[in-house]
Amino acid sequence: MKEYNKKLILLGDAAVGKTSLIRRLVVDQFDDKYISTIGTKITAKELQITIDEAITYLKLQIWDILGQKGYTKLHHNSFRGTNGVFMVADITRKDTLQSLKSYWIPEVENLVGSVPFIILANKSDLIERAEFNESELREFASKYKVPFYLTSAKNGENVNRAFHRLGERMLKSKEAEPVKPFMPVEIEIEKNEIIELIDRLIDDFCREYGNPEGAMPILRKQFELAKFDPNHPTQEAIISAIERLASFEMGFKKKEIAETNLLKRLRWIKEVKWNG
């Protein structure tokens, strides 16, 4: 039996249900409590994929990435080495489907290149509140020549099927090839100094730690302990997160380096215009 390790990422706007889809696949449970993912959350899942009557053992490293636009440095760190992508929209919010076209698909093409992806219209259990139908979804997916599924993390509809289908596509695909520097697509997004600050902090800690994959759980934990809300970031919470990260750095950096990093990041706070 052949064995492969592949990296899969889930992308889409906040609250489309990416975390719940992963939870449904990995532990076959659903939690309707919304938790905004800070940085990225990395989960492992093993699948058996049958291709040409041969069974392949596929080990997935699944990255659930912060569903906020503008985190370019975070995305650059998180997208690296990606083999496949779920582009996730919320069937009750048509704007989340448009976001795939205007932001998430171009962002992947800019940072990673051509990799297999599948479009998921999640929350099919709320079909009575749908803002777009299956016909519109089919037309949307046909423009990219990719499969699509209506999924529900709540009742499990098409979740396993979609993961196995993307697993097959990843196994049949060549490795991702970086896009040439002159090919990026311009993505228009409103500038937000606070988002840029958080993005900068995450990127700086990843570089200091030396391993983005290992740094992400640490970042998530320290931001959560600081009571940081990505949807409503406050100066107080960001300062608390910076101080917690500095304390953590004391464990793998010289004290003077960790203190220098602390002062540097606190200076960045002063460069931002805060409301109120």
Protein backbone atom coordinates (compact mmCIF):
# COMPACT_ATOMS: atom_id res chain seq x y z
CA MET A 1 0.00 0.00 0.00
CA LYS A 2 1.43 3.38 -1.04
CA GLU A 3 1.54 6.20 1.47
CA TYR A 4 1.53 9.93 0.79
CA ASN A 5 1.61 13.06 2.95
CA LYS A 6 -0.30 16.05 1.58
CA LYS A 7 -1.13 19.51 2.85
CA LEU A 8 -4.70 20.76 2.44
CA ILE A 9 -5.95 24.24 3.32
CA LEU A 10 -9.50 25.58 3.81
CA LEU A 11 -10.15 29.14 2.72
CA GLY A 12 -13.11 31.47 2.77
CA ASP A 13 -14.58 34.35 4.70
CA ALA A 14 -15.10 34.24 8.44
CA ALA A 15 -17.96 32.08 9.77
CA VAL A 16 -18.52 30.05 6.59
CA GLY A 17 -17.94 26.88 8.65
CA LYS A 18 -14.38 25.83 7.83
CA THR A 19 -13.56 24.74 11.39
CA SER A 20 -16.83 22.84 11.68
CA LEU A 21 -16.19 20.99 8.40
CA ILE A 22 -12.82 19.82 9.72
CA ARG A 23 -14.36 18.81 13.03
CA ARG A 24 -17.04 16.81 11.21
CA LEU A 25 -14.42 14.97 9.16
CA VAL A 26 -11.89 14.35 11.91
CA VAL A 27 -14.09 13.51 14.92
CA ASP A 28 -17.52 13.19 13.25
CA GLN A 29 -19.02 15.83 15.52
CA PHE A 30 -20.56 19.25 15.04
CA ASP A 31 -20.20 22.28 17.30
CA ASP A 32 -22.34 25.27 16.37
CA LYS A 33 -20.38 27.61 18.66
CA TYR A 34 -18.57 30.02 16.37
CA ILE A 35 -14.86 30.32 17.11
CA SER A 36 -12.86 32.63 14.87
CA THR A 37 -9.59 30.93 14.04
CA ILE A 38 -6.56 33.02 15.02
CA GLY A 39 -3.65 32.47 12.66
CA THR A 40 -4.11 28.85 11.61
CA LYS A 41 -5.21 25.63 13.24
CA ILE A 42 -3.51 22.46 12.00
CA THR A 43 -5.25 19.07 12.15
CA ALA A 44 -4.22 15.62 10.93
CA LYS A 45 -6.47 13.10 9.22
CA GLU A 46 -5.72 9.81 7.49
CA LEU A 47 -7.78 8.63 4.52
CA GLN A 48 -7.79 5.54 2.36
CA ILE A 49 -8.19 6.52 -1.30
CA THR A 50 -8.80 3.97 -4.07
CA ILE A 51 -7.34 4.92 -7.46
CA ASP A 52 -7.34 2.44 -10.37
CA GLU A 53 -8.35 -0.33 -7.94
CA ALA A 54 -5.27 0.34 -5.81
CA ILE A 55 -5.62 1.55 -2.22
CA THR A 56 -3.52 4.57 -1.26
CA TYR A 57 -2.96 5.66 2.32
CA LEU A 58 -3.23 9.47 2.38
CA LYS A 59 -2.09 11.41 5.44
CA LEU A 60 -3.58 14.89 5.38
CA GLN A 61 -2.27 17.90 7.22
CA ILE A 62 -5.31 20.19 7.25
CA TRP A 63 -4.78 23.93 7.78
CA ASP A 64 -7.75 26.03 8.89
CA ILE A 65 -6.68 29.59 8.11
CA LEU A 66 -7.96 32.89 9.53
CA GLY A 67 -10.90 33.95 7.36
CA GLN A 68 -10.05 37.63 7.26
CA LYS A 69 -8.84 39.46 4.17
CA GLY A 70 -5.60 41.41 4.17
CA TYR A 71 -3.39 39.02 6.16
CA THR A 72 -0.90 38.71 3.30
CA LYS A 73 2.13 37.70 5.37
CA LEU A 74 0.14 35.13 7.33
CA HIS A 75 -1.22 33.70 4.08
CA HIS A 76 2.26 33.56 2.58
CA ASN A 77 3.46 31.50 5.55
CA SER A 78 0.37 29.29 5.67
CA PHE A 79 -0.04 28.60 1.95
CA ARG A 80 3.54 27.42 1.43
CA GLY A 81 3.68 23.76 0.35
CA THR A 82 -0.07 23.45 -0.22
CA ASN A 83 -1.22 20.50 -2.32
CA GLY A 84 -4.97 21.16 -2.37
CA VAL A 85 -7.60 23.70 -1.31
CA PHE A 86 -11.22 23.78 -0.27
CA MET A 87 -12.76 27.13 -1.21
CA VAL A 88 -15.65 27.45 1.23
CA ALA A 89 -18.71 29.68 0.91
CA ASP A 90 -21.79 29.96 3.10
CA ILE A 91 -24.97 29.21 1.14
CA THR A 92 -26.88 31.73 3.27
CA ARG A 93 -24.49 34.57 2.34
CA LYS A 94 -23.95 35.21 -1.38
CA ASP A 95 -21.14 37.66 -0.66
CA THR A 96 -19.00 34.75 0.62
CA LEU A 97 -19.24 33.14 -2.84
CA GLN A 98 -18.21 36.38 -4.51
CA SER A 99 -15.28 36.61 -2.09
CA LEU A 100 -13.90 33.37 -3.50
CA LYS A 101 -13.76 34.99 -6.94
CA SER A 102 -12.51 38.41 -5.88
CA TYR A 103 -10.04 37.42 -3.15
CA TRP A 104 -9.40 33.83 -2.09
CA ILE A 105 -8.88 32.18 -5.49
CA PRO A 106 -6.58 34.97 -6.79
CA GLU A 107 -4.70 34.93 -3.45
CA VAL A 108 -3.92 31.22 -3.84
CA GLU A 109 -2.90 31.69 -7.47
CA ASN A 110 -0.59 34.55 -6.49
CA LEU A 111 1.10 32.79 -3.58
CA VAL A 112 1.06 29.11 -4.56
CA GLY A 113 0.24 28.70 -8.23
CA SER A 114 -1.97 26.05 -9.75
CA VAL A 115 -3.17 23.47 -7.22
CA PRO A 116 -6.32 21.31 -7.21
CA PHE A 117 -9.26 22.89 -5.45
CA ILE A 118 -12.94 22.18 -4.86
CA ILE A 119 -15.69 24.66 -4.07
CA LEU A 120 -17.92 23.92 -1.08
CA ALA A 121 -21.21 25.69 -0.45
CA ASN A 122 -21.58 24.95 3.24
CA LYS A 123 -24.63 25.03 5.55
CA SER A 124 -26.90 23.14 3.14
CA ASP A 125 -29.02 22.27 6.20
CA LEU A 126 -30.16 25.92 6.01
CA ILE A 127 -31.29 25.62 2.39
CA GLU A 128 -34.48 27.57 3.11
CA ARG A 129 -32.27 30.62 3.82
CA ALA A 130 -30.05 30.15 0.75
CA GLU A 131 -29.01 33.28 -1.15
CA PHE A 132 -27.77 31.30 -4.17
CA ASN A 133 -28.89 27.99 -5.63
CA GLU A 134 -27.17 24.90 -7.00
CA SER A 135 -27.50 26.14 -10.57
CA GLU A 136 -25.62 29.35 -9.73
CA LEU A 137 -23.00 27.33 -7.89
CA ARG A 138 -22.55 25.01 -10.86
CA GLU A 139 -22.10 27.98 -13.20
CA PHE A 140 -19.59 29.52 -10.80
CA ALA A 141 -17.54 26.30 -10.50
CA SER A 142 -17.62 25.69 -14.27
CA LYS A 143 -15.68 28.91 -14.84
CA TYR A 144 -12.76 27.33 -12.97
CA LYS A 145 -13.44 23.79 -14.26
CA VAL A 146 -13.53 22.39 -10.73
CA PRO A 147 -15.99 20.19 -8.79
CA PHE A 148 -18.39 21.60 -6.23
CA TYR A 149 -20.44 20.22 -3.36
CA LEU A 150 -23.27 21.38 -1.17
CA THR A 151 -22.10 20.45 2.31
CA SER A 152 -23.33 20.57 5.87
CA ALA A 153 -20.98 20.33 8.80
CA LYS A 154 -24.08 19.96 10.97
CA ASN A 155 -25.52 16.78 9.41
CA GLY A 156 -22.43 15.63 7.53
CA GLU A 157 -23.87 15.94 4.01
CA ASN A 158 -21.12 15.42 1.41
CA VAL A 159 -18.30 16.16 3.88
CA ASN A 160 -16.49 12.82 3.61
CA ARG A 161 -17.27 12.65 -0.09
CA ALA A 162 -15.70 16.06 -0.72
CA PHE A 163 -12.54 15.27 1.27
CA HIS A 164 -12.06 11.98 -0.57
CA ARG A 165 -12.64 13.68 -3.93
CA LEU A 166 -10.03 16.34 -3.21
CA GLY A 167 -7.69 13.63 -1.94
CA GLU A 168 -7.99 11.88 -5.30
CA ARG A 169 -7.32 15.11 -7.17
CA MET A 170 -4.24 15.84 -5.07
CA LEU A 171 -2.83 12.35 -5.62
CA LYS A 172 -3.33 12.62 -9.37
CA SER A 173 -1.90 16.13 -9.59
CA LYS A 174 1.71 17.14 -9.98
CA GLU A 175 3.26 19.15 -7.16
CA ALA A 176 2.34 22.82 -6.97
CA GLU A 177 4.49 25.11 -9.11
CA PRO A 178 5.13 28.66 -7.91
CA VAL A 179 3.64 31.44 -9.99
CA LYS A 180 6.24 33.57 -11.80
CA PRO A 181 6.80 36.95 -10.11
CA PHE A 182 5.34 38.94 -13.00
CA MET A 183 2.00 37.11 -13.00
CA PRO A 184 0.24 38.16 -9.76
CA VAL A 185 -3.35 39.38 -9.97
CA GLU A 186 -4.15 42.70 -8.33
CA ILE A 187 -6.50 42.20 -5.39
CA GLU A 188 -8.25 45.35 -4.26
CA ILE A 189 -8.92 45.45 -0.55
CA GLU A 190 -9.52 48.30 1.83
CA LYS A 191 -6.39 49.10 3.80
CA ASN A 192 -6.67 48.38 7.51
CA GLU A 193 -3.75 49.38 9.72
CA ILE A 194 -4.81 47.09 12.57
CA ILE A 195 -4.99 44.03 10.30
CA GLU A 196 -1.60 44.95 8.84
CA LEU A 197 -0.20 45.23 12.38
CA ILE A 198 -1.48 41.80 13.45
CA ASP A 199 -0.27 40.28 10.18
CA ARG A 200 3.16 41.81 10.80
CA LEU A 201 3.26 40.48 14.37
CA ILE A 202 2.36 36.95 13.29
CA ASP A 203 4.94 36.99 10.51
CA ASP A 204 7.66 38.36 12.83
CA PHE A 205 7.04 35.68 15.46
CA CYS A 206 7.07 32.94 12.79
CA ARG A 207 10.45 34.16 11.53
CA GLU A 208 11.88 34.37 15.05
CA TYR A 209 10.58 30.89 15.85
CA GLY A 210 12.01 29.56 12.59
CA ASN A 211 9.13 27.23 11.77
CA PRO A 212 5.69 28.63 10.78
CA GLU A 213 4.01 25.25 11.28
CA GLY A 214 5.29 25.03 14.86
CA ALA A 215 4.69 28.73 15.53
CA MET A 216 1.00 28.72 14.63
CA PRO A 217 -0.29 26.75 17.67
CA ILE A 218 1.77 29.00 19.94
CA LEU A 219 0.36 32.15 18.33
CA ARG A 220 -3.18 30.82 18.61
CA LYS A 221 -2.75 29.99 22.30
CA GLN A 222 -1.18 33.32 23.27
CA PHE A 223 -3.73 35.38 21.33
CA GLU A 224 -6.57 33.42 22.91
CA LEU A 225 -5.12 33.90 26.41
CA ALA A 226 -4.94 37.62 25.62
CA LYS A 227 -8.69 37.48 24.82
CA PHE A 228 -8.03 38.72 21.30
CA ASP A 229 -11.04 38.81 18.97
CA PRO A 230 -10.07 38.97 15.25
CA ASN A 231 -13.43 40.56 14.44
CA HIS A 232 -13.03 43.29 17.06
CA PRO A 233 -9.30 43.69 17.77
CA THR A 234 -8.45 46.03 20.62
CA GLN A 235 -5.18 47.72 21.48
CA GLU A 236 -5.28 46.22 24.98
CA ALA A 237 -5.63 42.65 23.68
CA ILE A 238 -2.86 43.08 21.11
CA ILE A 239 -0.46 44.48 23.74
CA SER A 240 -1.30 41.54 26.00
CA ALA A 241 -0.61 39.11 23.14
CA ILE A 242 2.72 40.81 22.40
CA GLU A 243 3.77 40.55 26.05
CA ARG A 244 2.75 36.88 26.20
CA LEU A 245 4.71 36.10 23.03
CA ALA A 246 7.76 37.85 24.50
CA SER A 247 7.50 35.68 27.64
CA PHE A 248 7.28 32.59 25.48
CA GLU A 249 10.32 33.70 23.43
CA MET A 250 12.36 33.75 26.64
CA GLY A 251 12.25 29.96 26.43
CA PHE A 252 14.07 29.72 23.10
CA LYS A 253 15.79 33.10 22.66
CA LYS A 254 18.35 34.96 24.69
CA LYS A 255 16.71 37.34 27.15
CA GLU A 256 18.09 40.44 25.45
CA ILE A 257 16.77 39.30 22.04
CA ALA A 258 13.31 38.59 23.43
CA GLU A 259 13.26 41.98 25.15
CA THR A 260 14.36 43.71 21.92
CA ASN A 261 11.56 41.97 20.04
CA LEU A 262 9.08 43.07 22.70
CA LEU A 263 10.09 46.72 22.42
CA LYS A 264 10.07 46.55 18.62
CA ARG A 265 6.53 45.15 18.51
CA LEU A 266 5.27 47.66 21.09
CA ARG A 267 6.65 50.44 18.87
CA TRP A 268 4.56 49.06 16.01
CA ILE A 269 1.49 49.54 18.20
CA LYS A 270 2.23 53.29 18.45
CA GLU A 271 2.39 53.59 14.65
CA VAL A 272 -1.27 52.62 14.29
CA LYS A 273 -4.14 55.11 14.41
CA TRP A 274 -6.63 53.79 16.94
CA ASN A 275 -10.24 54.86 17.09
CA GLY A 276 -11.44 56.10 20.45
